[in-house]
Amino acid sequence: MKKIPLSSQQRKSLRGIAHHLNPIVAVSERGLSAGIVEETERALDDHELIKVKVFDNDRAVRNLIATELAQKTASVVLQKIGKIAVLYRKNPNADIKLSNVSRYMSAKDF
C-alpha cells in the first residue's frame, strides 16, 4: 500500500481526533511480535487512527518500536508522547461506524 504524505493541517486535525482515544494495542516489554503486528493491522483497517501503548521505560526503545510497527503496518506515526504513539493509515473502504476519522471529519478534510 502506497503512503500518501499528509499536510501539516491534516496531521494536526488527526492528532486532535486522537486526543480523546484510548490505546487499543499494547506492546509489552518483550517487544513486537507477529500477533501485535496482526492486531495493529486489524485495528488500522477498522479505525484508521489508533493509539498504541508501549510498555518500555527506555524512550529510545519506545520510539524504535513505534517506528518499526508503523513500517510493518504501512502506517504513519503522527505523534509520540510518553508511552503512547498515534498511528494512522487511510482505509478507503473503512466502515463509517468504526472509523475514528470518518466519524469526526467531513469528506472535504481528506
N, C-alpha and C. Protein backbone atom coordinates (compact mmCIF):
# COMPACT_ATOMS: atom_id res chain seq x y z
N MET A 1 0.83 -1.17 0.00
CA MET A 1 0.00 0.00 0.00
C MET A 1 0.88 1.24 0.00
N LYS A 2 0.60 2.17 -0.89
CA LYS A 2 1.38 3.39 -1.02
C LYS A 2 0.98 4.41 0.04
N LYS A 3 1.98 4.98 0.69
CA LYS A 3 1.71 6.01 1.69
C LYS A 3 1.53 7.35 1.00
N ILE A 4 0.49 8.07 1.39
CA ILE A 4 0.26 9.40 0.86
C ILE A 4 0.70 10.39 1.92
N PRO A 5 1.59 11.33 1.55
CA PRO A 5 2.05 12.28 2.55
C PRO A 5 0.89 13.16 3.06
N LEU A 6 0.95 13.47 4.33
CA LEU A 6 -0.07 14.29 4.96
C LEU A 6 0.44 15.71 5.12
N SER A 7 -0.43 16.68 4.92
CA SER A 7 -0.06 18.07 5.15
C SER A 7 -0.01 18.30 6.65
N SER A 8 0.60 19.39 7.05
CA SER A 8 0.68 19.70 8.48
C SER A 8 -0.72 19.94 9.06
N GLN A 9 -1.63 20.50 8.27
CA GLN A 9 -3.00 20.72 8.75
C GLN A 9 -3.74 19.39 8.95
N GLN A 10 -3.53 18.45 8.03
CA GLN A 10 -4.14 17.13 8.18
C GLN A 10 -3.59 16.42 9.41
N ARG A 11 -2.28 16.49 9.62
CA ARG A 11 -1.66 15.87 10.79
C ARG A 11 -2.23 16.47 12.07
N LYS A 12 -2.38 17.78 12.08
CA LYS A 12 -2.92 18.47 13.26
C LYS A 12 -4.36 18.03 13.52
N SER A 13 -5.17 17.95 12.48
CA SER A 13 -6.56 17.51 12.63
C SER A 13 -6.64 16.09 13.17
N LEU A 14 -5.80 15.20 12.63
CA LEU A 14 -5.80 13.81 13.09
C LEU A 14 -5.34 13.70 14.54
N ARG A 15 -4.34 14.47 14.93
CA ARG A 15 -3.90 14.46 16.33
C ARG A 15 -5.02 14.93 17.25
N GLY A 16 -5.80 15.91 16.79
CA GLY A 16 -6.93 16.39 17.57
C GLY A 16 -7.98 15.32 17.77
N ILE A 17 -8.26 14.55 16.72
CA ILE A 17 -9.21 13.44 16.83
C ILE A 17 -8.68 12.38 17.79
N ALA A 18 -7.39 12.10 17.70
CA ALA A 18 -6.78 11.04 18.52
C ALA A 18 -6.71 11.40 19.99
N HIS A 19 -6.78 12.68 20.30
CA HIS A 19 -6.59 13.14 21.68
C HIS A 19 -7.47 12.37 22.67
N HIS A 20 -8.73 12.18 22.36
CA HIS A 20 -9.64 11.54 23.31
C HIS A 20 -9.66 10.01 23.22
N LEU A 21 -8.96 9.43 22.26
CA LEU A 21 -8.98 7.98 22.09
C LEU A 21 -8.16 7.28 23.17
N ASN A 22 -8.55 6.07 23.48
CA ASN A 22 -7.78 5.22 24.38
C ASN A 22 -6.92 4.28 23.54
N PRO A 23 -5.76 3.87 24.07
CA PRO A 23 -4.93 2.90 23.34
C PRO A 23 -5.68 1.59 23.15
N ILE A 24 -5.61 1.03 21.96
CA ILE A 24 -6.28 -0.26 21.72
C ILE A 24 -5.29 -1.37 21.41
N VAL A 25 -4.01 -1.02 21.29
CA VAL A 25 -2.96 -2.02 21.11
C VAL A 25 -1.90 -1.74 22.17
N ALA A 26 -1.42 -2.79 22.81
CA ALA A 26 -0.39 -2.65 23.84
C ALA A 26 0.80 -3.53 23.48
N VAL A 27 1.99 -2.94 23.61
CA VAL A 27 3.23 -3.68 23.33
C VAL A 27 3.96 -3.82 24.66
N SER A 28 4.18 -5.06 25.09
CA SER A 28 4.84 -5.30 26.37
C SER A 28 6.34 -5.06 26.26
N GLU A 29 7.02 -5.22 27.39
CA GLU A 29 8.48 -5.05 27.42
C GLU A 29 9.19 -6.06 26.53
N ARG A 30 8.49 -7.12 26.14
CA ARG A 30 9.09 -8.14 25.28
C ARG A 30 9.18 -7.69 23.83
N GLY A 31 8.58 -6.57 23.49
CA GLY A 31 8.70 -6.01 22.15
C GLY A 31 7.63 -6.49 21.20
N LEU A 32 7.87 -6.25 19.92
CA LEU A 32 6.91 -6.60 18.88
C LEU A 32 6.88 -8.09 18.62
N SER A 33 5.69 -8.58 18.34
CA SER A 33 5.52 -9.97 17.92
C SER A 33 4.62 -9.97 16.71
N ALA A 34 4.52 -11.10 16.07
CA ALA A 34 3.64 -11.21 14.90
C ALA A 34 2.19 -10.94 15.28
N GLY A 35 1.79 -11.36 16.48
CA GLY A 35 0.43 -11.13 16.95
C GLY A 35 0.12 -9.65 17.14
N ILE A 36 1.08 -8.90 17.64
CA ILE A 36 0.88 -7.47 17.84
C ILE A 36 0.76 -6.76 16.49
N VAL A 37 1.60 -7.14 15.55
CA VAL A 37 1.53 -6.55 14.21
C VAL A 37 0.18 -6.87 13.56
N GLU A 38 -0.25 -8.11 13.71
CA GLU A 38 -1.54 -8.53 13.15
C GLU A 38 -2.70 -7.77 13.79
N GLU A 39 -2.68 -7.61 15.09
CA GLU A 39 -3.74 -6.87 15.79
C GLU A 39 -3.73 -5.40 15.39
N THR A 40 -2.55 -4.82 15.20
CA THR A 40 -2.43 -3.44 14.76
C THR A 40 -2.99 -3.28 13.36
N GLU A 41 -2.72 -4.25 12.48
CA GLU A 41 -3.28 -4.24 11.12
C GLU A 41 -4.80 -4.22 11.18
N ARG A 42 -5.37 -5.08 12.00
CA ARG A 42 -6.82 -5.15 12.11
C ARG A 42 -7.39 -3.84 12.65
N ALA A 43 -6.74 -3.29 13.66
CA ALA A 43 -7.22 -2.04 14.26
C ALA A 43 -7.14 -0.89 13.26
N LEU A 44 -6.06 -0.83 12.49
CA LEU A 44 -5.94 0.23 11.48
C LEU A 44 -6.97 0.06 10.36
N ASP A 45 -7.25 -1.18 9.97
CA ASP A 45 -8.29 -1.42 8.96
C ASP A 45 -9.64 -0.93 9.45
N ASP A 46 -9.96 -1.21 10.71
CA ASP A 46 -11.25 -0.83 11.27
C ASP A 46 -11.33 0.65 11.60
N HIS A 47 -10.32 1.18 12.26
CA HIS A 47 -10.40 2.52 12.87
C HIS A 47 -9.60 3.59 12.15
N GLU A 48 -8.63 3.22 11.35
CA GLU A 48 -7.74 4.12 10.61
C GLU A 48 -6.79 4.90 11.51
N LEU A 49 -7.26 5.37 12.63
CA LEU A 49 -6.48 6.19 13.56
C LEU A 49 -6.53 5.53 14.93
N ILE A 50 -5.35 5.14 15.45
CA ILE A 50 -5.34 4.40 16.73
C ILE A 50 -4.21 4.91 17.62
N LYS A 51 -4.35 4.58 18.89
CA LYS A 51 -3.26 4.80 19.84
C LYS A 51 -2.68 3.45 20.23
N VAL A 52 -1.36 3.43 20.38
CA VAL A 52 -0.64 2.23 20.79
C VAL A 52 0.14 2.58 22.05
N LYS A 53 0.05 1.74 23.06
CA LYS A 53 0.82 1.96 24.29
C LYS A 53 1.99 0.99 24.31
N VAL A 54 3.19 1.54 24.51
CA VAL A 54 4.41 0.73 24.55
C VAL A 54 4.93 0.72 25.98
N PHE A 55 4.90 -0.45 26.61
CA PHE A 55 5.31 -0.59 28.00
C PHE A 55 6.80 -0.85 28.11
N ASP A 56 7.60 0.14 27.80
CA ASP A 56 9.04 0.05 27.99
C ASP A 56 9.49 1.35 28.60
N ASN A 57 10.39 1.29 29.54
CA ASN A 57 10.82 2.51 30.23
C ASN A 57 11.86 3.32 29.47
N ASP A 58 12.48 2.73 28.47
CA ASP A 58 13.51 3.41 27.69
C ASP A 58 12.87 4.16 26.51
N ARG A 59 13.02 5.47 26.48
CA ARG A 59 12.41 6.30 25.44
C ARG A 59 12.88 5.89 24.04
N ALA A 60 14.17 5.62 23.89
CA ALA A 60 14.71 5.24 22.58
C ALA A 60 14.07 3.94 22.09
N VAL A 61 13.87 2.99 22.98
CA VAL A 61 13.25 1.72 22.62
C VAL A 61 11.79 1.95 22.23
N ARG A 62 11.07 2.79 22.99
CA ARG A 62 9.68 3.09 22.65
C ARG A 62 9.58 3.72 21.25
N ASN A 63 10.47 4.67 20.96
CA ASN A 63 10.46 5.31 19.65
C ASN A 63 10.76 4.31 18.55
N LEU A 64 11.72 3.43 18.79
CA LEU A 64 12.08 2.41 17.81
C LEU A 64 10.91 1.46 17.55
N ILE A 65 10.23 1.04 18.60
CA ILE A 65 9.10 0.12 18.46
C ILE A 65 7.97 0.80 17.68
N ALA A 66 7.67 2.05 17.99
CA ALA A 66 6.60 2.77 17.28
C ALA A 66 6.94 2.90 15.80
N THR A 67 8.17 3.24 15.50
CA THR A 67 8.61 3.40 14.12
C THR A 67 8.56 2.07 13.38
N GLU A 68 9.04 1.01 14.02
CA GLU A 68 9.04 -0.31 13.40
C GLU A 68 7.62 -0.82 13.17
N LEU A 69 6.73 -0.58 14.12
CA LEU A 69 5.33 -1.00 13.97
C LEU A 69 4.68 -0.25 12.81
N ALA A 70 4.97 1.03 12.69
CA ALA A 70 4.43 1.81 11.57
C ALA A 70 4.95 1.28 10.24
N GLN A 71 6.22 0.94 10.18
CA GLN A 71 6.79 0.39 8.94
C GLN A 71 6.14 -0.94 8.57
N LYS A 72 5.96 -1.80 9.56
CA LYS A 72 5.39 -3.13 9.29
C LYS A 72 3.93 -3.07 8.91
N THR A 73 3.23 -2.00 9.30
CA THR A 73 1.80 -1.88 9.01
C THR A 73 1.52 -0.84 7.93
N ALA A 74 2.56 -0.28 7.33
CA ALA A 74 2.42 0.76 6.29
C ALA A 74 1.58 1.93 6.80
N SER A 75 1.82 2.31 8.04
CA SER A 75 1.10 3.44 8.63
C SER A 75 2.06 4.58 8.93
N VAL A 76 1.52 5.66 9.44
CA VAL A 76 2.31 6.85 9.75
C VAL A 76 2.22 7.10 11.25
N VAL A 77 3.36 7.38 11.87
CA VAL A 77 3.36 7.79 13.27
C VAL A 77 3.08 9.29 13.29
N LEU A 78 1.93 9.67 13.83
CA LEU A 78 1.56 11.09 13.89
C LEU A 78 2.14 11.78 15.10
N GLN A 79 2.27 11.02 16.19
CA GLN A 79 2.68 11.63 17.44
C GLN A 79 3.18 10.56 18.40
N LYS A 80 4.16 10.95 19.21
CA LYS A 80 4.64 10.08 20.29
C LYS A 80 4.74 10.95 21.54
N ILE A 81 3.97 10.58 22.53
CA ILE A 81 4.04 11.28 23.82
C ILE A 81 4.14 10.23 24.91
N GLY A 82 5.24 10.25 25.62
CA GLY A 82 5.44 9.26 26.68
C GLY A 82 5.40 7.86 26.12
N LYS A 83 4.52 7.03 26.67
CA LYS A 83 4.42 5.64 26.24
C LYS A 83 3.35 5.43 25.18
N ILE A 84 2.77 6.51 24.66
CA ILE A 84 1.69 6.43 23.68
C ILE A 84 2.17 6.91 22.32
N ALA A 85 1.85 6.13 21.29
CA ALA A 85 2.11 6.53 19.90
C ALA A 85 0.77 6.54 19.17
N VAL A 86 0.59 7.52 18.29
CA VAL A 86 -0.62 7.61 17.48
C VAL A 86 -0.25 7.20 16.06
N LEU A 87 -0.96 6.18 15.54
CA LEU A 87 -0.71 5.68 14.19
C LEU A 87 -1.93 5.95 13.31
N TYR A 88 -1.66 6.22 12.04
CA TYR A 88 -2.74 6.48 11.08
C TYR A 88 -2.43 5.76 9.77
N ARG A 89 -3.47 5.16 9.22
CA ARG A 89 -3.39 4.58 7.88
C ARG A 89 -4.77 4.70 7.25
N LYS A 90 -4.84 5.38 6.12
CA LYS A 90 -6.11 5.59 5.44
C LYS A 90 -6.64 4.28 4.89
N ASN A 91 -7.93 4.07 5.07
CA ASN A 91 -8.62 2.91 4.52
C ASN A 91 -9.78 3.44 3.68
N PRO A 92 -9.66 3.39 2.35
CA PRO A 92 -10.72 3.94 1.50
C PRO A 92 -12.05 3.20 1.65
N ASN A 93 -12.02 1.98 2.17
CA ASN A 93 -13.24 1.20 2.35
C ASN A 93 -13.64 1.08 3.82
N ALA A 94 -13.24 2.05 4.61
CA ALA A 94 -13.50 1.98 6.05
C ALA A 94 -14.99 2.05 6.36
N ASP A 95 -15.39 1.31 7.36
CA ASP A 95 -16.76 1.34 7.85
C ASP A 95 -16.95 2.65 8.61
N ILE A 96 -17.90 3.45 8.20
CA ILE A 96 -18.13 4.77 8.81
C ILE A 96 -18.41 4.64 10.31
N LYS A 97 -19.04 3.56 10.71
CA LYS A 97 -19.38 3.37 12.13
C LYS A 97 -18.16 3.03 12.98
N LEU A 98 -17.11 2.49 12.37
CA LEU A 98 -15.92 2.09 13.11
C LEU A 98 -14.77 3.09 12.99
N SER A 99 -14.67 3.76 11.86
CA SER A 99 -13.54 4.64 11.60
C SER A 99 -13.57 5.88 12.47
N ASN A 100 -12.50 6.09 13.21
CA ASN A 100 -12.39 7.30 14.03
C ASN A 100 -12.33 8.54 13.15
N VAL A 101 -11.72 8.44 12.00
CA VAL A 101 -11.58 9.58 11.10
C VAL A 101 -12.92 9.94 10.48
N SER A 102 -13.65 8.96 9.96
CA SER A 102 -14.93 9.22 9.31
C SER A 102 -15.95 9.81 10.27
N ARG A 103 -15.91 9.41 11.50
CA ARG A 103 -16.88 9.91 12.47
C ARG A 103 -16.66 11.36 12.84
N TYR A 104 -15.41 11.84 12.76
CA TYR A 104 -15.10 13.17 13.26
C TYR A 104 -14.71 14.18 12.19
N MET A 105 -14.52 13.73 10.97
CA MET A 105 -14.11 14.65 9.92
C MET A 105 -15.07 14.57 8.75
N SER A 106 -15.21 15.66 8.03
CA SER A 106 -16.02 15.64 6.83
C SER A 106 -15.15 15.17 5.66
N ALA A 107 -15.80 14.78 4.57
CA ALA A 107 -15.08 14.25 3.42
C ALA A 107 -14.15 15.28 2.81
N LYS A 108 -14.46 16.55 2.91
CA LYS A 108 -13.62 17.58 2.31
C LYS A 108 -12.27 17.71 3.02
N ASP A 109 -12.20 17.28 4.29
CA ASP A 109 -10.95 17.37 5.03
C ASP A 109 -9.91 16.38 4.54
N PHE A 110 -10.39 15.27 3.98
CA PHE A 110 -9.47 14.25 3.48
C PHE A 110 -9.89 13.84 2.12
